[in-house]
Amino acid sequence: MPLYTYIATFKGKSHISQDRQSNFRGFIDAWTDTATTAALGLPPDLKRILYKNMDRSDFVEVQNRKHVWRRVINLDGDDLVIYAVQTQT
């Protein structure tokens, strides 16, 4: 299984995690785990918004990059940006 690196940013804070999965989509726990949401400083109300709005956006391929995808989720007026990078096959 490929290794994916997830880079999440929110309000100037960032968190990087890695996970081996068959694909980067649909594995929400890989980039929304407790360590990530704590590192980004997401309070409980924004965590609820995050999980509630998961289906409103999807990853899109980053132009001019191979195996890099980006997803933006609006959390009460601020964007949580997640990059998924296929680091290893």
PDB file of N, CA and C in Angstrom:
ATOM      1  N   MET A   1       0.841  -1.179   0.000  1.00  0.00           N
ATOM      2  CA  MET A   1       0.000   0.000   0.000  1.00  0.00           C
ATOM      3  C   MET A   1       0.883   1.238   0.000  1.00  0.00           C
ATOM      4  N   PRO A   2       0.448   2.257  -0.720  1.00  0.00           N
ATOM      5  CA  PRO A   2       1.228   3.499  -0.769  1.00  0.00           C
ATOM      6  C   PRO A   2       1.239   4.223   0.581  1.00  0.00           C
ATOM      7  N   LEU A   3       2.282   4.979   0.781  1.00  0.00           N
ATOM      8  CA  LEU A   3       2.387   5.849   1.949  1.00  0.00           C
ATOM      9  C   LEU A   3       1.961   7.244   1.528  1.00  0.00           C
ATOM     10  N   TYR A   4       1.038   7.835   2.289  1.00  0.00           N
ATOM     11  CA  TYR A   4       0.572   9.190   2.015  1.00  0.00           C
ATOM     12  C   TYR A   4       0.989  10.107   3.149  1.00  0.00           C
ATOM     13  N   THR A   5       1.407  11.300   2.789  1.00  0.00           N
ATOM     14  CA  THR A   5       1.709  12.348   3.752  1.00  0.00           C
ATOM     15  C   THR A   5       0.583  13.362   3.665  1.00  0.00           C
ATOM     16  N   TYR A   6       0.002  13.699   4.810  1.00  0.00           N
ATOM     17  CA  TYR A   6      -1.092  14.659   4.885  1.00  0.00           C
ATOM     18  C   TYR A   6      -0.580  15.915   5.573  1.00  0.00           C
ATOM     19  N   ILE A   7      -0.749  17.047   4.930  1.00  0.00           N
ATOM     20  CA  ILE A   7      -0.344  18.330   5.480  1.00  0.00           C
ATOM     21  C   ILE A   7      -1.614  19.151   5.657  1.00  0.00           C
ATOM     22  N   ALA A   8      -1.931  19.452   6.895  1.00  0.00           N
ATOM     23  CA  ALA A   8      -3.150  20.214   7.199  1.00  0.00           C
ATOM     24  C   ALA A   8      -2.748  21.569   7.765  1.00  0.00           C
ATOM     25  N   THR A   9      -3.404  22.637   7.286  1.00  0.00           N
ATOM     26  CA  THR A   9      -3.145  23.973   7.799  1.00  0.00           C
ATOM     27  C   THR A   9      -4.466  24.655   8.135  1.00  0.00           C
ATOM     28  N   PHE A  10      -4.418  25.450   9.218  1.00  0.00           N
ATOM     29  CA  PHE A  10      -5.599  26.192   9.647  1.00  0.00           C
ATOM     30  C   PHE A  10      -5.142  27.368  10.504  1.00  0.00           C
ATOM     31  N   LYS A  11      -5.500  28.554  10.079  1.00  0.00           N
ATOM     32  CA  LYS A  11      -5.191  29.787  10.819  1.00  0.00           C
ATOM     33  C   LYS A  11      -3.721  29.878  11.228  1.00  0.00           C
ATOM     34  N   GLY A  12      -2.840  29.598  10.284  1.00  0.00           N
ATOM     35  CA  GLY A  12      -1.411  29.733  10.531  1.00  0.00           C
ATOM     36  C   GLY A  12      -0.761  28.562  11.246  1.00  0.00           C
ATOM     37  N   LYS A  13      -1.537  27.580  11.642  1.00  0.00           N
ATOM     38  CA  LYS A  13      -0.980  26.386  12.286  1.00  0.00           C
ATOM     39  C   LYS A  13      -0.970  25.252  11.276  1.00  0.00           C
ATOM     40  N   SER A  14      -0.052  24.322  11.455  1.00  0.00           N
ATOM     41  CA  SER A  14       0.005  23.190  10.530  1.00  0.00           C
ATOM     42  C   SER A  14       0.321  21.908  11.284  1.00  0.00           C
ATOM     43  N   HIS A  15      -0.020  20.806  10.635  1.00  0.00           N
ATOM     44  CA  HIS A  15       0.254  19.484  11.191  1.00  0.00           C
ATOM     45  C   HIS A  15       0.500  18.534  10.027  1.00  0.00           C
ATOM     46  N   ILE A  16       1.486  17.679  10.194  1.00  0.00           N
ATOM     47  CA  ILE A  16       1.825  16.705   9.155  1.00  0.00           C
ATOM     48  C   ILE A  16       1.695  15.305   9.748  1.00  0.00           C
ATOM     49  N   SER A  17       1.042  14.425   8.996  1.00  0.00           N
ATOM     50  CA  SER A  17       0.917  13.032   9.429  1.00  0.00           C
ATOM     51  C   SER A  17       1.092  12.131   8.216  1.00  0.00           C
ATOM     52  N   GLN A  18       1.330  10.868   8.472  1.00  0.00           N
ATOM     53  CA  GLN A  18       1.487   9.894   7.400  1.00  0.00           C
ATOM     54  C   GLN A  18       0.655   8.665   7.704  1.00  0.00           C
ATOM     55  N   ASP A  19       0.221   8.002   6.630  1.00  0.00           N
ATOM     56  CA  ASP A  19      -0.561   6.782   6.791  1.00  0.00           C
ATOM     57  C   ASP A  19      -0.452   5.960   5.516  1.00  0.00           C
ATOM     58  N   ARG A  20      -0.442   4.661   5.677  1.00  0.00           N
ATOM     59  CA  ARG A  20      -0.474   3.748   4.518  1.00  0.00           C
ATOM     60  C   ARG A  20      -1.923   3.356   4.276  1.00  0.00           C
ATOM     61  N   GLN A  21      -2.393   3.603   3.081  1.00  0.00           N
ATOM     62  CA  GLN A  21      -3.764   3.292   2.701  1.00  0.00           C
ATOM     63  C   GLN A  21      -3.782   2.868   1.240  1.00  0.00           C
ATOM     64  N   SER A  22      -4.873   2.254   0.842  1.00  0.00           N
ATOM     65  CA  SER A  22      -5.003   1.871  -0.565  1.00  0.00           C
ATOM     66  C   SER A  22      -5.186   3.100  -1.445  1.00  0.00           C
ATOM     67  N   ASN A  23      -5.790   4.161  -0.887  1.00  0.00           N
ATOM     68  CA  ASN A  23      -5.880   5.444  -1.579  1.00  0.00           C
ATOM     69  C   ASN A  23      -6.079   6.534  -0.538  1.00  0.00           C
ATOM     70  N   PHE A  24      -5.897   7.776  -0.923  1.00  0.00           N
ATOM     71  CA  PHE A  24      -5.947   8.869   0.048  1.00  0.00           C
ATOM     72  C   PHE A  24      -7.368   9.339   0.335  1.00  0.00           C
ATOM     73  N   ARG A  25      -8.325   9.009  -0.499  1.00  0.00           N
ATOM     74  CA  ARG A  25      -9.710   9.475  -0.323  1.00  0.00           C
ATOM     75  C   ARG A  25     -10.457   8.577   0.656  1.00  0.00           C
ATOM     76  N   GLY A  26     -11.317   9.183   1.411  1.00  0.00           N
ATOM     77  CA  GLY A  26     -12.191   8.405   2.259  1.00  0.00           C
ATOM     78  C   GLY A  26     -11.592   7.950   3.568  1.00  0.00           C
ATOM     79  N   PHE A  27     -10.310   8.153   3.744  1.00  0.00           N
ATOM     80  CA  PHE A  27      -9.678   7.745   4.990  1.00  0.00           C
ATOM     81  C   PHE A  27      -9.540   8.970   5.892  1.00  0.00           C
ATOM     82  N   ILE A  28     -10.670   9.424   6.352  1.00  0.00           N
ATOM     83  CA  ILE A  28     -10.765  10.668   7.095  1.00  0.00           C
ATOM     84  C   ILE A  28      -9.896  10.640   8.333  1.00  0.00           C
ATOM     85  N   ASP A  29      -9.800   9.514   9.006  1.00  0.00           N
ATOM     86  CA  ASP A  29      -9.013   9.436  10.233  1.00  0.00           C
ATOM     87  C   ASP A  29      -7.540   9.731   9.998  1.00  0.00           C
ATOM     88  N   ALA A  30      -7.077   9.553   8.781  1.00  0.00           N
ATOM     89  CA  ALA A  30      -5.668   9.798   8.497  1.00  0.00           C
ATOM     90  C   ALA A  30      -5.305  11.271   8.634  1.00  0.00           C
ATOM     91  N   TRP A  31      -6.264  12.165   8.439  1.00  0.00           N
ATOM     92  CA  TRP A  31      -5.944  13.596   8.526  1.00  0.00           C
ATOM     93  C   TRP A  31      -6.897  14.389   9.414  1.00  0.00           C
ATOM     94  N   THR A  32      -7.745  13.699  10.168  1.00  0.00           N
ATOM     95  CA  THR A  32      -8.600  14.404  11.134  1.00  0.00           C
ATOM     96  C   THR A  32      -8.524  13.773  12.518  1.00  0.00           C
ATOM     97  N   ASP A  33      -7.459  13.058  12.794  1.00  0.00           N
ATOM     98  CA  ASP A  33      -7.337  12.411  14.097  1.00  0.00           C
ATOM     99  C   ASP A  33      -7.172  13.453  15.209  1.00  0.00           C
ATOM    100  N   THR A  34      -7.187  13.008  16.428  1.00  0.00           N
ATOM    101  CA  THR A  34      -7.104  13.897  17.589  1.00  0.00           C
ATOM    102  C   THR A  34      -5.816  14.713  17.582  1.00  0.00           C
ATOM    103  N   ALA A  35      -4.705  14.102  17.205  1.00  0.00           N
ATOM    104  CA  ALA A  35      -3.434  14.832  17.177  1.00  0.00           C
ATOM    105  C   ALA A  35      -3.485  15.984  16.179  1.00  0.00           C
ATOM    106  N   THR A  36      -4.085  15.740  15.026  1.00  0.00           N
ATOM    107  CA  THR A  36      -4.186  16.787  14.008  1.00  0.00           C
ATOM    108  C   THR A  36      -5.080  17.918  14.467  1.00  0.00           C
ATOM    109  N   THR A  37      -6.273  17.593  14.947  1.00  0.00           N
ATOM    110  CA  THR A  37      -7.197  18.653  15.351  1.00  0.00           C
ATOM    111  C   THR A  37      -6.647  19.416  16.552  1.00  0.00           C
ATOM    112  N   ALA A  38      -5.928  18.759  17.447  1.00  0.00           N
ATOM    113  CA  ALA A  38      -5.313  19.447  18.586  1.00  0.00           C
ATOM    114  C   ALA A  38      -4.186  20.363  18.110  1.00  0.00           C
ATOM    115  N   ALA A  39      -3.344  19.874  17.198  1.00  0.00           N
ATOM    116  CA  ALA A  39      -2.231  20.676  16.687  1.00  0.00           C
ATOM    117  C   ALA A  39      -2.725  21.909  15.946  1.00  0.00           C
ATOM    118  N   LEU A  40      -3.877  21.794  15.300  1.00  0.00           N
ATOM    119  CA  LEU A  40      -4.446  22.926  14.571  1.00  0.00           C
ATOM    120  C   LEU A  40      -5.265  23.837  15.476  1.00  0.00           C
ATOM    121  N   GLY A  41      -5.445  23.434  16.716  1.00  0.00           N
ATOM    122  CA  GLY A  41      -6.191  24.253  17.668  1.00  0.00           C
ATOM    123  C   GLY A  41      -7.682  24.298  17.410  1.00  0.00           C
ATOM    124  N   LEU A  42      -8.237  23.206  16.863  1.00  0.00           N
ATOM    125  CA  LEU A  42      -9.675  23.183  16.573  1.00  0.00           C
ATOM    126  C   LEU A  42     -10.470  22.931  17.849  1.00  0.00           C
ATOM    127  N   PRO A  43     -11.301  23.889  18.241  1.00  0.00           N
ATOM    128  CA  PRO A  43     -12.162  23.663  19.400  1.00  0.00           C
ATOM    129  C   PRO A  43     -13.295  22.703  19.042  1.00  0.00           C
ATOM    130  N   PRO A  44     -13.995  22.164  20.038  1.00  0.00           N
ATOM    131  CA  PRO A  44     -15.060  21.183  19.775  1.00  0.00           C
ATOM    132  C   PRO A  44     -16.105  21.641  18.758  1.00  0.00           C
ATOM    133  N   ASP A  45     -16.497  22.914  18.776  1.00  0.00           N
ATOM    134  CA  ASP A  45     -17.513  23.366  17.827  1.00  0.00           C
ATOM    135  C   ASP A  45     -17.017  23.300  16.385  1.00  0.00           C
ATOM    136  N   LEU A  46     -15.735  23.603  16.152  1.00  0.00           N
ATOM    137  CA  LEU A  46     -15.199  23.507  14.789  1.00  0.00           C
ATOM    138  C   LEU A  46     -14.965  22.061  14.374  1.00  0.00           C
ATOM    139  N   LYS A  47     -14.665  21.191  15.326  1.00  0.00           N
ATOM    140  CA  LYS A  47     -14.560  19.761  14.998  1.00  0.00           C
ATOM    141  C   LYS A  47     -15.902  19.240  14.505  1.00  0.00           C
ATOM    142  N   ARG A  48     -16.979  19.670  15.161  1.00  0.00           N
ATOM    143  CA  ARG A  48     -18.320  19.242  14.723  1.00  0.00           C
ATOM    144  C   ARG A  48     -18.617  19.750  13.317  1.00  0.00           C
ATOM    145  N   ILE A  49     -18.253  21.005  13.042  1.00  0.00           N
ATOM    146  CA  ILE A  49     -18.455  21.564  11.698  1.00  0.00           C
ATOM    147  C   ILE A  49     -17.628  20.791  10.687  1.00  0.00           C
ATOM    148  N   LEU A  50     -16.384  20.453  11.051  1.00  0.00           N
ATOM    149  CA  LEU A  50     -15.517  19.695  10.158  1.00  0.00           C
ATOM    150  C   LEU A  50     -16.167  18.379   9.757  1.00  0.00           C
ATOM    151  N   TYR A  51     -16.603  17.596  10.733  1.00  0.00           N
ATOM    152  CA  TYR A  51     -17.205  16.297  10.429  1.00  0.00           C
ATOM    153  C   TYR A  51     -18.532  16.441   9.703  1.00  0.00           C
ATOM    154  N   LYS A  52     -19.276  17.495  10.008  1.00  0.00           N
ATOM    155  CA  LYS A  52     -20.571  17.719   9.360  1.00  0.00           C
ATOM    156  C   LYS A  52     -20.406  18.082   7.885  1.00  0.00           C
ATOM    157  N   ASN A  53     -19.319  18.766   7.544  1.00  0.00           N
ATOM    158  CA  ASN A  53     -19.128  19.267   6.185  1.00  0.00           C
ATOM    159  C   ASN A  53     -18.162  18.436   5.351  1.00  0.00           C
ATOM    160  N   MET A  54     -17.869  17.226   5.779  1.00  0.00           N
ATOM    161  CA  MET A  54     -16.908  16.396   5.064  1.00  0.00           C
ATOM    162  C   MET A  54     -17.306  16.120   3.622  1.00  0.00           C
ATOM    163  N   ASP A  55     -18.576  16.020   3.359  1.00  0.00           N
ATOM    164  CA  ASP A  55     -19.017  15.656   2.008  1.00  0.00           C
ATOM    165  C   ASP A  55     -19.227  16.864   1.107  1.00  0.00           C
ATOM    166  N   ARG A  56     -18.934  18.056   1.570  1.00  0.00           N
ATOM    167  CA  ARG A  56     -19.172  19.264   0.771  1.00  0.00           C
ATOM    168  C   ARG A  56     -18.003  19.630  -0.125  1.00  0.00           C
ATOM    169  N   SER A  57     -16.870  19.024   0.078  1.00  0.00           N
ATOM    170  CA  SER A  57     -15.727  19.274  -0.797  1.00  0.00           C
ATOM    171  C   SER A  57     -14.986  17.959  -0.984  1.00  0.00           C
ATOM    172  N   ASP A  58     -14.146  17.931  -1.999  1.00  0.00           N
ATOM    173  CA  ASP A  58     -13.374  16.728  -2.271  1.00  0.00           C
ATOM    174  C   ASP A  58     -11.954  17.147  -2.606  1.00  0.00           C
ATOM    175  N   PHE A  59     -11.058  16.195  -2.612  1.00  0.00           N
ATOM    176  CA  PHE A  59      -9.696  16.469  -3.027  1.00  0.00           C
ATOM    177  C   PHE A  59      -9.672  16.730  -4.528  1.00  0.00           C
ATOM    178  N   VAL A  60      -8.880  17.692  -4.943  1.00  0.00           N
ATOM    179  CA  VAL A  60      -8.644  17.955  -6.362  1.00  0.00           C
ATOM    180  C   VAL A  60      -7.143  17.881  -6.598  1.00  0.00           C
ATOM    181  N   GLU A  61      -6.784  17.418  -7.765  1.00  0.00           N
ATOM    182  CA  GLU A  61      -5.378  17.286  -8.094  1.00  0.00           C
ATOM    183  C   GLU A  61      -4.734  18.664  -8.213  1.00  0.00           C
ATOM    184  N   VAL A  62      -3.548  18.803  -7.636  1.00  0.00           N
ATOM    185  CA  VAL A  62      -2.808  20.061  -7.729  1.00  0.00           C
ATOM    186  C   VAL A  62      -2.152  20.113  -9.102  1.00  0.00           C
ATOM    187  N   GLN A  63      -2.386  21.208  -9.817  1.00  0.00           N
ATOM    188  CA  GLN A  63      -1.846  21.337 -11.169  1.00  0.00           C
ATOM    189  C   GLN A  63      -0.332  21.325 -11.155  1.00  0.00           C
ATOM    190  N   ASN A  64       0.232  20.734 -12.177  1.00  0.00           N
ATOM    191  CA  ASN A  64       1.676  20.666 -12.386  1.00  0.00           C
ATOM    192  C   ASN A  64       2.416  19.874 -11.306  1.00  0.00           C
ATOM    193  N   ARG A  65       1.708  19.020 -10.574  1.00  0.00           N
ATOM    194  CA  ARG A  65       2.321  18.168  -9.562  1.00  0.00           C
ATOM    195  C   ARG A  65       1.777  16.758  -9.714  1.00  0.00           C
ATOM    196  N   LYS A  66       2.636  15.786  -9.587  1.00  0.00           N
ATOM    197  CA  LYS A  66       2.203  14.395  -9.648  1.00  0.00           C
ATOM    198  C   LYS A  66       1.926  13.894  -8.242  1.00  0.00           C
ATOM    199  N   HIS A  67       0.826  13.196  -8.083  1.00  0.00           N
ATOM    200  CA  HIS A  67       0.482  12.538  -6.828  1.00  0.00           C
ATOM    201  C   HIS A  67       0.326  13.514  -5.660  1.00  0.00           C
ATOM    202  N   VAL A  68      -0.216  14.699  -5.945  1.00  0.00           N
ATOM    203  CA  VAL A  68      -0.495  15.692  -4.906  1.00  0.00           C
ATOM    204  C   VAL A  68      -1.930  16.176  -5.098  1.00  0.00           C
ATOM    205  N   TRP A  69      -2.719  16.119  -4.014  1.00  0.00           N
ATOM    206  CA  TRP A  69      -4.110  16.536  -4.050  1.00  0.00           C
ATOM    207  C   TRP A  69      -4.372  17.534  -2.930  1.00  0.00           C
ATOM    208  N   ARG A  70      -5.376  18.383  -3.120  1.00  0.00           N
ATOM    209  CA  ARG A  70      -5.687  19.437  -2.152  1.00  0.00           C
ATOM    210  C   ARG A  70      -7.181  19.433  -1.872  1.00  0.00           C
ATOM    211  N   ARG A  71      -7.513  19.686  -0.625  1.00  0.00           N
ATOM    212  CA  ARG A  71      -8.919  19.771  -0.224  1.00  0.00           C
ATOM    213  C   ARG A  71      -9.072  20.963   0.717  1.00  0.00           C
ATOM    214  N   VAL A  72     -10.135  21.734   0.516  1.00  0.00           N
ATOM    215  CA  VAL A  72     -10.402  22.899   1.355  1.00  0.00           C
ATOM    216  C   VAL A  72     -11.768  22.723   1.999  1.00  0.00           C
ATOM    217  N   ILE A  73     -11.809  22.885   3.316  1.00  0.00           N
ATOM    218  CA  ILE A  73     -13.071  22.798   4.047  1.00  0.00           C
ATOM    219  C   ILE A  73     -13.227  24.093   4.835  1.00  0.00           C
ATOM    220  N   ASN A  74     -14.323  24.797   4.595  1.00  0.00           N
ATOM    221  CA  ASN A  74     -14.573  26.045   5.300  1.00  0.00           C
ATOM    222  C   ASN A  74     -15.121  25.745   6.686  1.00  0.00           C
ATOM    223  N   LEU A  75     -14.439  26.291   7.693  1.00  0.00           N
ATOM    224  CA  LEU A  75     -14.857  26.108   9.078  1.00  0.00           C
ATOM    225  C   LEU A  75     -15.190  27.470   9.666  1.00  0.00           C
ATOM    226  N   ASP A  76     -16.439  27.816   9.620  1.00  0.00           N
ATOM    227  CA  ASP A  76     -16.910  29.050  10.227  1.00  0.00           C
ATOM    228  C   ASP A  76     -16.153  30.279   9.714  1.00  0.00           C
ATOM    229  N   GLY A  77     -15.937  30.322   8.393  1.00  0.00           N
ATOM    230  CA  GLY A  77     -15.303  31.478   7.770  1.00  0.00           C
ATOM    231  C   GLY A  77     -13.810  31.359   7.538  1.00  0.00           C
ATOM    232  N   ASP A  78     -13.176  30.338   8.067  1.00  0.00           N
ATOM    233  CA  ASP A  78     -11.746  30.108   7.848  1.00  0.00           C
ATOM    234  C   ASP A  78     -11.561  28.776   7.149  1.00  0.00           C
ATOM    235  N   ASP A  79     -10.549  28.711   6.274  1.00  0.00           N
ATOM    236  CA  ASP A  79     -10.318  27.496   5.498  1.00  0.00           C
ATOM    237  C   ASP A  79      -9.323  26.560   6.171  1.00  0.00           C
ATOM    238  N   LEU A  80      -9.732  25.314   6.288  1.00  0.00           N
ATOM    239  CA  LEU A  80      -8.836  24.226   6.654  1.00  0.00           C
ATOM    240  C   LEU A  80      -8.383  23.627   5.330  1.00  0.00           C
ATOM    241  N   VAL A  81      -7.084  23.629   5.080  1.00  0.00           N
ATOM    242  CA  VAL A  81      -6.542  23.131   3.816  1.00  0.00           C
ATOM    243  C   VAL A  81      -5.756  21.865   4.106  1.00  0.00           C
ATOM    244  N   ILE A  82      -6.050  20.816   3.346  1.00  0.00           N
ATOM    245  CA  ILE A  82      -5.367  19.543   3.506  1.00  0.00           C
ATOM    246  C   ILE A  82      -4.725  19.162   2.177  1.00  0.00           C
ATOM    247  N   TYR A  83      -3.455  18.861   2.232  1.00  0.00           N
ATOM    248  CA  TYR A  83      -2.757  18.317   1.071  1.00  0.00           C
ATOM    249  C   TYR A  83      -2.485  16.848   1.336  1.00  0.00           C
ATOM    250  N   ALA A  84      -2.712  16.027   0.336  1.00  0.00           N
ATOM    251  CA  ALA A  84      -2.366  14.617   0.395  1.00  0.00           C
ATOM    252  C   ALA A  84      -1.290  14.389  -0.655  1.00  0.00           C
ATOM    253  N   VAL A  85      -0.168  13.837  -0.228  1.00  0.00           N
ATOM    254  CA  VAL A  85       0.952  13.608  -1.115  1.00  0.00           C
ATOM    255  C   VAL A  85       1.296  12.128  -1.086  1.00  0.00           C
ATOM    256  N   GLN A  86       1.249  11.502  -2.250  1.00  0.00           N
ATOM    257  CA  GLN A  86       1.672  10.101  -2.301  1.00  0.00           C
ATOM    258  C   GLN A  86       3.184  10.104  -2.198  1.00  0.00           C
ATOM    259  N   THR A  87       3.660   9.703  -1.030  1.00  0.00           N
ATOM    260  CA  THR A  87       5.075   9.814  -0.707  1.00  0.00           C
ATOM    261  C   THR A  87       5.861   8.612  -1.203  1.00  0.00           C
ATOM    262  N   GLN A  88       5.213   7.463  -1.196  1.00  0.00           N
ATOM    263  CA  GLN A  88       5.896   6.229  -1.550  1.00  0.00           C
ATOM    264  C   GLN A  88       4.851   5.226  -2.038  1.00  0.00           C
ATOM    265  N   THR A  89       5.258   4.385  -2.999  1.00  0.00           N
ATOM    266  CA  THR A  89       4.337   3.347  -3.474  1.00  0.00           C
ATOM    267  C   THR A  89       4.610   2.037  -2.789  1.00  0.00           C
TER     268      THR A  89
END
